[in-house]
Amino acid sequence: MQAGVENDTLHLWCNICDGYVNETAKHCGACNRCVIDFDHHCNWLNNCVGGNNYRDFFILIWIFMFFLITSKYSSLLPSSSLSWINIRHGFLSAVG
């Protein structure tokens, strides 16, 4: 990236994207684009995590942690408390 001055403000030029970018932007090699406030490229989402979607990524991590913790504690429950669930042929069906 090269620095350039235009109208008394600093702009950076990305040689790969051939365009002006923000000072906090970084070019992602996996996505082949510049991302503002680049944090990392997430292989699970196949997307960059940056300024525009960092809050959504953070919420996703907390939801994942919630389900991970609740699934761990639900496996500790006695099987009689889960008697309303019947597992047949790989599908869950409620027993009425």
PDB file of N, CA and C in Angstrom:
ATOM      1  N   MET A   1       0.834  -1.168   0.000  1.00  0.00           N
ATOM      2  CA  MET A   1       0.000   0.000   0.000  1.00  0.00           C
ATOM      3  C   MET A   1       0.886   1.241   0.000  1.00  0.00           C
ATOM      4  N   GLN A   2       0.527   2.188  -0.791  1.00  0.00           N
ATOM      5  CA  GLN A   2       1.265   3.432  -0.876  1.00  0.00           C
ATOM      6  C   GLN A   2       0.437   4.551  -0.274  1.00  0.00           C
ATOM      7  N   ALA A   3       1.123   5.514   0.355  1.00  0.00           N
ATOM      8  CA  ALA A   3       0.419   6.651   0.954  1.00  0.00           C
ATOM      9  C   ALA A   3       0.323   7.775  -0.055  1.00  0.00           C
ATOM     10  N   GLY A   4      -0.807   8.479  -0.017  1.00  0.00           N
ATOM     11  CA  GLY A   4      -1.010   9.627  -0.878  1.00  0.00           C
ATOM     12  C   GLY A   4      -1.799  10.690  -0.144  1.00  0.00           C
ATOM     13  N   VAL A   5      -1.581  11.941  -0.501  1.00  0.00           N
ATOM     14  CA  VAL A   5      -2.280  13.032   0.168  1.00  0.00           C
ATOM     15  C   VAL A   5      -3.214  13.681  -0.835  1.00  0.00           C
ATOM     16  N   GLU A   6      -4.496  13.801  -0.434  1.00  0.00           N
ATOM     17  CA  GLU A   6      -5.485  14.423  -1.304  1.00  0.00           C
ATOM     18  C   GLU A   6      -6.420  15.240  -0.419  1.00  0.00           C
ATOM     19  N   ASN A   7      -6.532  16.531  -0.672  1.00  0.00           N
ATOM     20  CA  ASN A   7      -7.393  17.433   0.103  1.00  0.00           C
ATOM     21  C   ASN A   7      -7.051  17.412   1.592  1.00  0.00           C
ATOM     22  N   ASP A   8      -5.785  17.411   1.915  1.00  0.00           N
ATOM     23  CA  ASP A   8      -5.273  17.440   3.281  1.00  0.00           C
ATOM     24  C   ASP A   8      -5.692  16.248   4.134  1.00  0.00           C
ATOM     25  N   THR A   9      -6.129  15.178   3.534  1.00  0.00           N
ATOM     26  CA  THR A   9      -6.430  13.962   4.288  1.00  0.00           C
ATOM     27  C   THR A   9      -5.606  12.828   3.712  1.00  0.00           C
ATOM     28  N   LEU A  10      -5.253  11.893   4.560  1.00  0.00           N
ATOM     29  CA  LEU A  10      -4.407  10.775   4.146  1.00  0.00           C
ATOM     30  C   LEU A  10      -5.268   9.656   3.574  1.00  0.00           C
ATOM     31  N   HIS A  11      -4.936   9.207   2.394  1.00  0.00           N
ATOM     32  CA  HIS A  11      -5.579   8.052   1.775  1.00  0.00           C
ATOM     33  C   HIS A  11      -4.487   7.045   1.454  1.00  0.00           C
ATOM     34  N   LEU A  12      -4.803   5.789   1.580  1.00  0.00           N
ATOM     35  CA  LEU A  12      -3.870   4.734   1.209  1.00  0.00           C
ATOM     36  C   LEU A  12      -4.374   4.059  -0.061  1.00  0.00           C
ATOM     37  N   TRP A  13      -3.438   3.707  -0.901  1.00  0.00           N
ATOM     38  CA  TRP A  13      -3.754   3.060  -2.161  1.00  0.00           C
ATOM     39  C   TRP A  13      -3.344   1.597  -2.068  1.00  0.00           C
ATOM     40  N   CYS A  14      -4.272   0.701  -2.326  1.00  0.00           N
ATOM     41  CA  CYS A  14      -3.963  -0.725  -2.335  1.00  0.00           C
ATOM     42  C   CYS A  14      -3.559  -1.110  -3.753  1.00  0.00           C
ATOM     43  N   ASN A  15      -2.348  -1.622  -3.883  1.00  0.00           N
ATOM     44  CA  ASN A  15      -1.850  -2.017  -5.208  1.00  0.00           C
ATOM     45  C   ASN A  15      -2.575  -3.254  -5.740  1.00  0.00           C
ATOM     46  N   ILE A  16      -3.089  -4.072  -4.855  1.00  0.00           N
ATOM     47  CA  ILE A  16      -3.765  -5.296  -5.289  1.00  0.00           C
ATOM     48  C   ILE A  16      -5.187  -4.988  -5.752  1.00  0.00           C
ATOM     49  N   CYS A  17      -5.908  -4.170  -4.973  1.00  0.00           N
ATOM     50  CA  CYS A  17      -7.297  -3.798  -5.323  1.00  0.00           C
ATOM     51  C   CYS A  17      -7.356  -2.645  -6.322  1.00  0.00           C
ATOM     52  N   ASP A  18      -6.258  -1.927  -6.465  1.00  0.00           N
ATOM     53  CA  ASP A  18      -6.202  -0.732  -7.315  1.00  0.00           C
ATOM     54  C   ASP A  18      -7.266   0.284  -6.904  1.00  0.00           C
ATOM     55  N   GLY A  19      -7.274   0.613  -5.619  1.00  0.00           N
ATOM     56  CA  GLY A  19      -8.224   1.602  -5.134  1.00  0.00           C
ATOM     57  C   GLY A  19      -7.776   2.184  -3.810  1.00  0.00           C
ATOM     58  N   TYR A  20      -8.378   3.319  -3.446  1.00  0.00           N
ATOM     59  CA  TYR A  20      -8.093   3.942  -2.168  1.00  0.00           C
ATOM     60  C   TYR A  20      -8.790   3.167  -1.054  1.00  0.00           C
ATOM     61  N   VAL A  21      -8.086   3.044   0.052  1.00  0.00           N
ATOM     62  CA  VAL A  21      -8.635   2.337   1.196  1.00  0.00           C
ATOM     63  C   VAL A  21      -8.439   3.174   2.455  1.00  0.00           C
ATOM     64  N   ASN A  22      -9.146   2.808   3.500  1.00  0.00           N
ATOM     65  CA  ASN A  22      -9.057   3.456   4.793  1.00  0.00           C
ATOM     66  C   ASN A  22      -7.719   3.112   5.446  1.00  0.00           C
ATOM     67  N   GLU A  23      -7.305   3.917   6.429  1.00  0.00           N
ATOM     68  CA  GLU A  23      -6.052   3.658   7.125  1.00  0.00           C
ATOM     69  C   GLU A  23      -6.088   2.362   7.916  1.00  0.00           C
ATOM     70  N   THR A  24      -7.264   1.932   8.346  1.00  0.00           N
ATOM     71  CA  THR A  24      -7.379   0.715   9.144  1.00  0.00           C
ATOM     72  C   THR A  24      -7.655  -0.517   8.293  1.00  0.00           C
ATOM     73  N   ALA A  25      -7.719  -0.360   6.982  1.00  0.00           N
ATOM     74  CA  ALA A  25      -8.024  -1.487   6.100  1.00  0.00           C
ATOM     75  C   ALA A  25      -6.787  -2.334   5.853  1.00  0.00           C
ATOM     76  N   LYS A  26      -7.045  -3.613   5.602  1.00  0.00           N
ATOM     77  CA  LYS A  26      -5.982  -4.556   5.265  1.00  0.00           C
ATOM     78  C   LYS A  26      -6.514  -5.453   4.162  1.00  0.00           C
ATOM     79  N   HIS A  27      -5.640  -5.847   3.271  1.00  0.00           N
ATOM     80  CA  HIS A  27      -6.035  -6.714   2.167  1.00  0.00           C
ATOM     81  C   HIS A  27      -6.004  -8.162   2.641  1.00  0.00           C
ATOM     82  N   CYS A  28      -7.095  -8.870   2.421  1.00  0.00           N
ATOM     83  CA  CYS A  28      -7.187 -10.289   2.775  1.00  0.00           C
ATOM     84  C   CYS A  28      -6.844 -11.116   1.547  1.00  0.00           C
ATOM     85  N   GLY A  29      -5.882 -11.984   1.702  1.00  0.00           N
ATOM     86  CA  GLY A  29      -5.476 -12.830   0.588  1.00  0.00           C
ATOM     87  C   GLY A  29      -6.502 -13.893   0.242  1.00  0.00           C
ATOM     88  N   ALA A  30      -7.260 -14.359   1.233  1.00  0.00           N
ATOM     89  CA  ALA A  30      -8.255 -15.402   0.991  1.00  0.00           C
ATOM     90  C   ALA A  30      -9.475 -14.856   0.247  1.00  0.00           C
ATOM     91  N   CYS A  31      -9.925 -13.660   0.629  1.00  0.00           N
ATOM     92  CA  CYS A  31     -11.096 -13.040  -0.017  1.00  0.00           C
ATOM     93  C   CYS A  31     -10.718 -12.199  -1.233  1.00  0.00           C
ATOM     94  N   ASN A  32      -9.454 -11.807  -1.316  1.00  0.00           N
ATOM     95  CA  ASN A  32      -8.935 -10.955  -2.381  1.00  0.00           C
ATOM     96  C   ASN A  32      -9.667  -9.613  -2.421  1.00  0.00           C
ATOM     97  N   ARG A  33      -9.817  -9.013  -1.225  1.00  0.00           N
ATOM     98  CA  ARG A  33     -10.415  -7.690  -1.117  1.00  0.00           C
ATOM     99  C   ARG A  33      -9.891  -7.011   0.149  1.00  0.00           C
ATOM    100  N   CYS A  34     -10.032  -5.694   0.212  1.00  0.00           N
ATOM    101  CA  CYS A  34      -9.626  -4.951   1.395  1.00  0.00           C
ATOM    102  C   CYS A  34     -10.802  -4.864   2.362  1.00  0.00           C
ATOM    103  N   VAL A  35     -10.503  -5.038   3.646  1.00  0.00           N
ATOM    104  CA  VAL A  35     -11.533  -5.049   4.684  1.00  0.00           C
ATOM    105  C   VAL A  35     -11.188  -3.980   5.711  1.00  0.00           C
ATOM    106  N   ILE A  36     -12.156  -3.111   6.029  1.00  0.00           N
ATOM    107  CA  ILE A  36     -11.954  -2.062   7.019  1.00  0.00           C
ATOM    108  C   ILE A  36     -11.907  -2.692   8.407  1.00  0.00           C
ATOM    109  N   ASP A  37     -10.976  -2.257   9.228  1.00  0.00           N
ATOM    110  CA  ASP A  37     -10.767  -2.789  10.583  1.00  0.00           C
ATOM    111  C   ASP A  37     -10.633  -4.306  10.557  1.00  0.00           C
ATOM    112  N   PHE A  38      -9.810  -4.807   9.667  1.00  0.00           N
ATOM    113  CA  PHE A  38      -9.606  -6.238   9.478  1.00  0.00           C
ATOM    114  C   PHE A  38      -9.135  -6.884  10.778  1.00  0.00           C
ATOM    115  N   ASP A  39      -9.824  -7.943  11.199  1.00  0.00           N
ATOM    116  CA  ASP A  39      -9.420  -8.699  12.375  1.00  0.00           C
ATOM    117  C   ASP A  39      -8.794 -10.024  11.965  1.00  0.00           C
ATOM    118  N   HIS A  40      -9.556 -10.849  11.252  1.00  0.00           N
ATOM    119  CA  HIS A  40      -9.021 -12.110  10.754  1.00  0.00           C
ATOM    120  C   HIS A  40      -9.963 -12.676   9.690  1.00  0.00           C
ATOM    121  N   HIS A  41      -9.463 -13.645   8.963  1.00  0.00           N
ATOM    122  CA  HIS A  41     -10.297 -14.367   8.005  1.00  0.00           C
ATOM    123  C   HIS A  41     -10.751 -15.649   8.676  1.00  0.00           C
ATOM    124  N   CYS A  42     -12.056 -15.838   8.803  1.00  0.00           N
ATOM    125  CA  CYS A  42     -12.618 -17.008   9.472  1.00  0.00           C
ATOM    126  C   CYS A  42     -12.880 -18.089   8.424  1.00  0.00           C
ATOM    127  N   ASN A  43     -12.187 -19.206   8.564  1.00  0.00           N
ATOM    128  CA  ASN A  43     -12.370 -20.302   7.612  1.00  0.00           C
ATOM    129  C   ASN A  43     -13.712 -21.004   7.807  1.00  0.00           C
ATOM    130  N   TRP A  44     -14.267 -20.978   9.010  1.00  0.00           N
ATOM    131  CA  TRP A  44     -15.565 -21.613   9.250  1.00  0.00           C
ATOM    132  C   TRP A  44     -16.672 -20.860   8.548  1.00  0.00           C
ATOM    133  N   LEU A  45     -16.592 -19.532   8.541  1.00  0.00           N
ATOM    134  CA  LEU A  45     -17.604 -18.714   7.872  1.00  0.00           C
ATOM    135  C   LEU A  45     -17.243 -18.415   6.426  1.00  0.00           C
ATOM    136  N   ASN A  46     -15.993 -18.680   6.061  1.00  0.00           N
ATOM    137  CA  ASN A  46     -15.452 -18.352   4.740  1.00  0.00           C
ATOM    138  C   ASN A  46     -15.673 -16.874   4.439  1.00  0.00           C
ATOM    139  N   ASN A  47     -15.344 -16.039   5.432  1.00  0.00           N
ATOM    140  CA  ASN A  47     -15.535 -14.610   5.316  1.00  0.00           C
ATOM    141  C   ASN A  47     -14.560 -13.904   6.245  1.00  0.00           C
ATOM    142  N   CYS A  48     -14.268 -12.661   5.937  1.00  0.00           N
ATOM    143  CA  CYS A  48     -13.415 -11.862   6.805  1.00  0.00           C
ATOM    144  C   CYS A  48     -14.227 -11.283   7.951  1.00  0.00           C
ATOM    145  N   VAL A  49     -13.586 -11.194   9.106  1.00  0.00           N
ATOM    146  CA  VAL A  49     -14.202 -10.547  10.257  1.00  0.00           C
ATOM    147  C   VAL A  49     -13.531  -9.199  10.396  1.00  0.00           C
ATOM    148  N   GLY A  50     -14.341  -8.148  10.323  1.00  0.00           N
ATOM    149  CA  GLY A  50     -13.808  -6.789  10.389  1.00  0.00           C
ATOM    150  C   GLY A  50     -14.824  -5.846  10.999  1.00  0.00           C
ATOM    151  N   GLY A  51     -14.658  -4.578  10.709  1.00  0.00           N
ATOM    152  CA  GLY A  51     -15.488  -3.539  11.312  1.00  0.00           C
ATOM    153  C   GLY A  51     -16.962  -3.672  11.024  1.00  0.00           C
ATOM    154  N   ASN A  52     -17.337  -4.135   9.841  1.00  0.00           N
ATOM    155  CA  ASN A  52     -18.752  -4.192   9.470  1.00  0.00           C
ATOM    156  C   ASN A  52     -19.490  -5.384  10.067  1.00  0.00           C
ATOM    157  N   ASN A  53     -18.789  -6.474  10.377  1.00  0.00           N
ATOM    158  CA  ASN A  53     -19.484  -7.650  10.881  1.00  0.00           C
ATOM    159  C   ASN A  53     -18.870  -8.200  12.168  1.00  0.00           C
ATOM    160  N   TYR A  54     -18.064  -7.409  12.858  1.00  0.00           N
ATOM    161  CA  TYR A  54     -17.437  -7.897  14.084  1.00  0.00           C
ATOM    162  C   TYR A  54     -18.469  -8.160  15.168  1.00  0.00           C
ATOM    163  N   ARG A  55     -19.494  -7.320  15.286  1.00  0.00           N
ATOM    164  CA  ARG A  55     -20.547  -7.518  16.295  1.00  0.00           C
ATOM    165  C   ARG A  55     -21.312  -8.812  16.012  1.00  0.00           C
ATOM    166  N   ASP A  56     -21.637  -9.071  14.758  1.00  0.00           N
ATOM    167  CA  ASP A  56     -22.348 -10.294  14.399  1.00  0.00           C
ATOM    168  C   ASP A  56     -21.501 -11.533  14.705  1.00  0.00           C
ATOM    169  N   PHE A  57     -20.202 -11.452  14.428  1.00  0.00           N
ATOM    170  CA  PHE A  57     -19.301 -12.562  14.725  1.00  0.00           C
ATOM    171  C   PHE A  57     -19.228 -12.799  16.234  1.00  0.00           C
ATOM    172  N   PHE A  58     -19.179 -11.739  17.022  1.00  0.00           N
ATOM    173  CA  PHE A  58     -19.126 -11.848  18.470  1.00  0.00           C
ATOM    174  C   PHE A  58     -20.395 -12.508  19.009  1.00  0.00           C
ATOM    175  N   ILE A  59     -21.559 -12.130  18.474  1.00  0.00           N
ATOM    176  CA  ILE A  59     -22.829 -12.742  18.878  1.00  0.00           C
ATOM    177  C   ILE A  59     -22.854 -14.217  18.502  1.00  0.00           C
ATOM    178  N   LEU A  60     -22.344 -14.557  17.331  1.00  0.00           N
ATOM    179  CA  LEU A  60     -22.275 -15.950  16.900  1.00  0.00           C
ATOM    180  C   LEU A  60     -21.435 -16.784  17.853  1.00  0.00           C
ATOM    181  N   ILE A  61     -20.314 -16.246  18.301  1.00  0.00           N
ATOM    182  CA  ILE A  61     -19.452 -16.964  19.235  1.00  0.00           C
ATOM    183  C   ILE A  61     -20.185 -17.197  20.557  1.00  0.00           C
ATOM    184  N   TRP A  62     -20.916 -16.187  21.058  1.00  0.00           N
ATOM    185  CA  TRP A  62     -21.646 -16.352  22.317  1.00  0.00           C
ATOM    186  C   TRP A  62     -22.788 -17.358  22.178  1.00  0.00           C
ATOM    187  N   ILE A  63     -23.471 -17.375  21.044  1.00  0.00           N
ATOM    188  CA  ILE A  63     -24.526 -18.366  20.815  1.00  0.00           C
ATOM    189  C   ILE A  63     -23.929 -19.765  20.775  1.00  0.00           C
ATOM    190  N   PHE A  64     -22.801 -19.918  20.107  1.00  0.00           N
ATOM    191  CA  PHE A  64     -22.121 -21.210  20.039  1.00  0.00           C
ATOM    192  C   PHE A  64     -21.720 -21.668  21.439  1.00  0.00           C
ATOM    193  N   MET A  65     -21.182 -20.748  22.257  1.00  0.00           N
ATOM    194  CA  MET A  65     -20.777 -21.101  23.621  1.00  0.00           C
ATOM    195  C   MET A  65     -21.999 -21.495  24.458  1.00  0.00           C
ATOM    196  N   PHE A  66     -23.129 -20.799  24.280  1.00  0.00           N
ATOM    197  CA  PHE A  66     -24.355 -21.129  25.011  1.00  0.00           C
ATOM    198  C   PHE A  66     -24.801 -22.555  24.692  1.00  0.00           C
ATOM    199  N   PHE A  67     -24.846 -22.908  23.407  1.00  0.00           N
ATOM    200  CA  PHE A  67     -25.259 -24.250  23.028  1.00  0.00           C
ATOM    201  C   PHE A  67     -24.253 -25.304  23.453  1.00  0.00           C
ATOM    202  N   LEU A  68     -22.994 -24.980  23.437  1.00  0.00           N
ATOM    203  CA  LEU A  68     -21.967 -25.910  23.886  1.00  0.00           C
ATOM    204  C   LEU A  68     -22.125 -26.205  25.374  1.00  0.00           C
ATOM    205  N   ILE A  69     -22.341 -25.163  26.176  1.00  0.00           N
ATOM    206  CA  ILE A  69     -22.494 -25.343  27.625  1.00  0.00           C
ATOM    207  C   ILE A  69     -23.796 -26.064  27.955  1.00  0.00           C
ATOM    208  N   THR A  70     -24.900 -25.664  27.307  1.00  0.00           N
ATOM    209  CA  THR A  70     -26.173 -26.320  27.605  1.00  0.00           C
ATOM    210  C   THR A  70     -26.184 -27.773  27.155  1.00  0.00           C
ATOM    211  N   SER A  71     -25.512 -28.102  26.073  1.00  0.00           N
ATOM    212  CA  SER A  71     -25.459 -29.503  25.648  1.00  0.00           C
ATOM    213  C   SER A  71     -24.614 -30.325  26.609  1.00  0.00           C
ATOM    214  N   LYS A  72     -23.590 -29.735  27.182  1.00  0.00           N
ATOM    215  CA  LYS A  72     -22.763 -30.453  28.165  1.00  0.00           C
ATOM    216  C   LYS A  72     -23.582 -30.749  29.408  1.00  0.00           C
ATOM    217  N   TYR A  73     -24.335 -29.758  29.913  1.00  0.00           N
ATOM    218  CA  TYR A  73     -25.115 -29.972  31.122  1.00  0.00           C
ATOM    219  C   TYR A  73     -26.343 -30.836  30.875  1.00  0.00           C
ATOM    220  N   SER A  74     -26.894 -30.805  29.686  1.00  0.00           N
ATOM    221  CA  SER A  74     -28.044 -31.663  29.410  1.00  0.00           C
ATOM    222  C   SER A  74     -27.622 -33.127  29.349  1.00  0.00           C
ATOM    223  N   SER A  75     -26.378 -33.400  29.001  1.00  0.00           N
ATOM    224  CA  SER A  75     -25.908 -34.782  28.990  1.00  0.00           C
ATOM    225  C   SER A  75     -25.695 -35.302  30.405  1.00  0.00           C
ATOM    226  N   LEU A  76     -25.635 -34.421  31.403  1.00  0.00           N
ATOM    227  CA  LEU A  76     -25.471 -34.833  32.791  1.00  0.00           C
ATOM    228  C   LEU A  76     -26.799 -35.125  33.474  1.00  0.00           C
ATOM    229  N   LEU A  77     -27.912 -34.758  32.836  1.00  0.00           N
ATOM    230  CA  LEU A  77     -29.230 -35.007  33.407  1.00  0.00           C
ATOM    231  C   LEU A  77     -29.527 -36.503  33.389  1.00  0.00           C
ATOM    232  N   PRO A  78     -30.302 -36.989  34.354  1.00  0.00           N
ATOM    233  CA  PRO A  78     -30.681 -38.409  34.320  1.00  0.00           C
ATOM    234  C   PRO A  78     -31.577 -38.690  33.117  1.00  0.00           C
ATOM    235  N   SER A  79     -31.499 -39.887  32.596  1.00  0.00           N
ATOM    236  CA  SER A  79     -32.237 -40.215  31.376  1.00  0.00           C
ATOM    237  C   SER A  79     -33.744 -40.190  31.599  1.00  0.00           C
ATOM    238  N   SER A  80     -34.213 -40.342  32.847  1.00  0.00           N
ATOM    239  CA  SER A  80     -35.657 -40.305  33.106  1.00  0.00           C
ATOM    240  C   SER A  80     -36.237 -38.918  32.850  1.00  0.00           C
ATOM    241  N   SER A  81     -35.407 -37.861  32.985  1.00  0.00           N
ATOM    242  CA  SER A  81     -35.915 -36.520  32.724  1.00  0.00           C
ATOM    243  C   SER A  81     -36.058 -36.253  31.228  1.00  0.00           C
ATOM    244  N   LEU A  82     -35.471 -37.118  30.407  1.00  0.00           N
ATOM    245  CA  LEU A  82     -35.581 -36.974  28.953  1.00  0.00           C
ATOM    246  C   LEU A  82     -36.471 -38.057  28.359  1.00  0.00           C
ATOM    247  N   SER A  83     -37.388 -38.620  29.181  1.00  0.00           N
ATOM    248  CA  SER A  83     -38.210 -39.734  28.718  1.00  0.00           C
ATOM    249  C   SER A  83     -39.219 -39.324  27.648  1.00  0.00           C
ATOM    250  N   TRP A  84     -39.497 -38.054  27.492  1.00  0.00           N
ATOM    251  CA  TRP A  84     -40.459 -37.610  26.489  1.00  0.00           C
ATOM    252  C   TRP A  84     -39.852 -37.608  25.092  1.00  0.00           C
ATOM    253  N   ILE A  85     -38.548 -37.863  24.984  1.00  0.00           N
ATOM    254  CA  ILE A  85     -37.892 -37.901  23.678  1.00  0.00           C
ATOM    255  C   ILE A  85     -37.695 -39.364  23.272  1.00  0.00           C
ATOM    256  N   ASN A  86     -38.114 -39.680  22.089  1.00  0.00           N
ATOM    257  CA  ASN A  86     -37.944 -41.022  21.556  1.00  0.00           C
ATOM    258  C   ASN A  86     -37.074 -40.924  20.303  1.00  0.00           C
ATOM    259  N   ILE A  87     -35.999 -41.661  20.271  1.00  0.00           N
ATOM    260  CA  ILE A  87     -35.096 -41.611  19.118  1.00  0.00           C
ATOM    261  C   ILE A  87     -35.336 -42.858  18.271  1.00  0.00           C
ATOM    262  N   ARG A  88     -35.802 -42.618  17.040  1.00  0.00           N
ATOM    263  CA  ARG A  88     -36.045 -43.724  16.094  1.00  0.00           C
ATOM    264  C   ARG A  88     -35.417 -43.390  14.763  1.00  0.00           C
ATOM    265  N   HIS A  89     -34.668 -44.288  14.263  1.00  0.00           N
ATOM    266  CA  HIS A  89     -34.091 -44.184  12.925  1.00  0.00           C
ATOM    267  C   HIS A  89     -33.339 -42.876  12.721  1.00  0.00           C
ATOM    268  N   GLY A  90     -32.693 -42.380  13.759  1.00  0.00           N
ATOM    269  CA  GLY A  90     -31.898 -41.170  13.629  1.00  0.00           C
ATOM    270  C   GLY A  90     -32.680 -39.885  13.709  1.00  0.00           C
ATOM    271  N   PHE A  91     -34.001 -39.941  13.916  1.00  0.00           N
ATOM    272  CA  PHE A  91     -34.814 -38.744  14.008  1.00  0.00           C
ATOM    273  C   PHE A  91     -35.368 -38.611  15.426  1.00  0.00           C
ATOM    274  N   LEU A  92     -35.507 -37.366  15.877  1.00  0.00           N
ATOM    275  CA  LEU A  92     -36.115 -37.113  17.170  1.00  0.00           C
ATOM    276  C   LEU A  92     -37.611 -36.924  16.978  1.00  0.00           C
ATOM    277  N   SER A  93     -38.381 -37.641  17.766  1.00  0.00           N
ATOM    278  CA  SER A  93     -39.837 -37.458  17.707  1.00  0.00           C
ATOM    279  C   SER A  93     -40.370 -37.465  19.133  1.00  0.00           C
ATOM    280  N   ALA A  94     -41.322 -36.601  19.406  1.00  0.00           N
ATOM    281  CA  ALA A  94     -41.891 -36.488  20.742  1.00  0.00           C
ATOM    282  C   ALA A  94     -42.863 -37.638  20.982  1.00  0.00           C
ATOM    283  N   VAL A  95     -42.789 -38.202  22.159  1.00  0.00           N
ATOM    284  CA  VAL A  95     -43.702 -39.260  22.551  1.00  0.00           C
ATOM    285  C   VAL A  95     -44.873 -38.631  23.282  1.00  0.00           C
ATOM    286  N   GLY A  96     -46.089 -38.892  22.859  1.00  0.00           N
ATOM    287  CA  GLY A  96     -47.251 -38.229  23.442  1.00  0.00           C
ATOM    288  C   GLY A  96     -48.066 -39.070  24.323  1.00  0.00           C
TER     289      GLY A  96
END
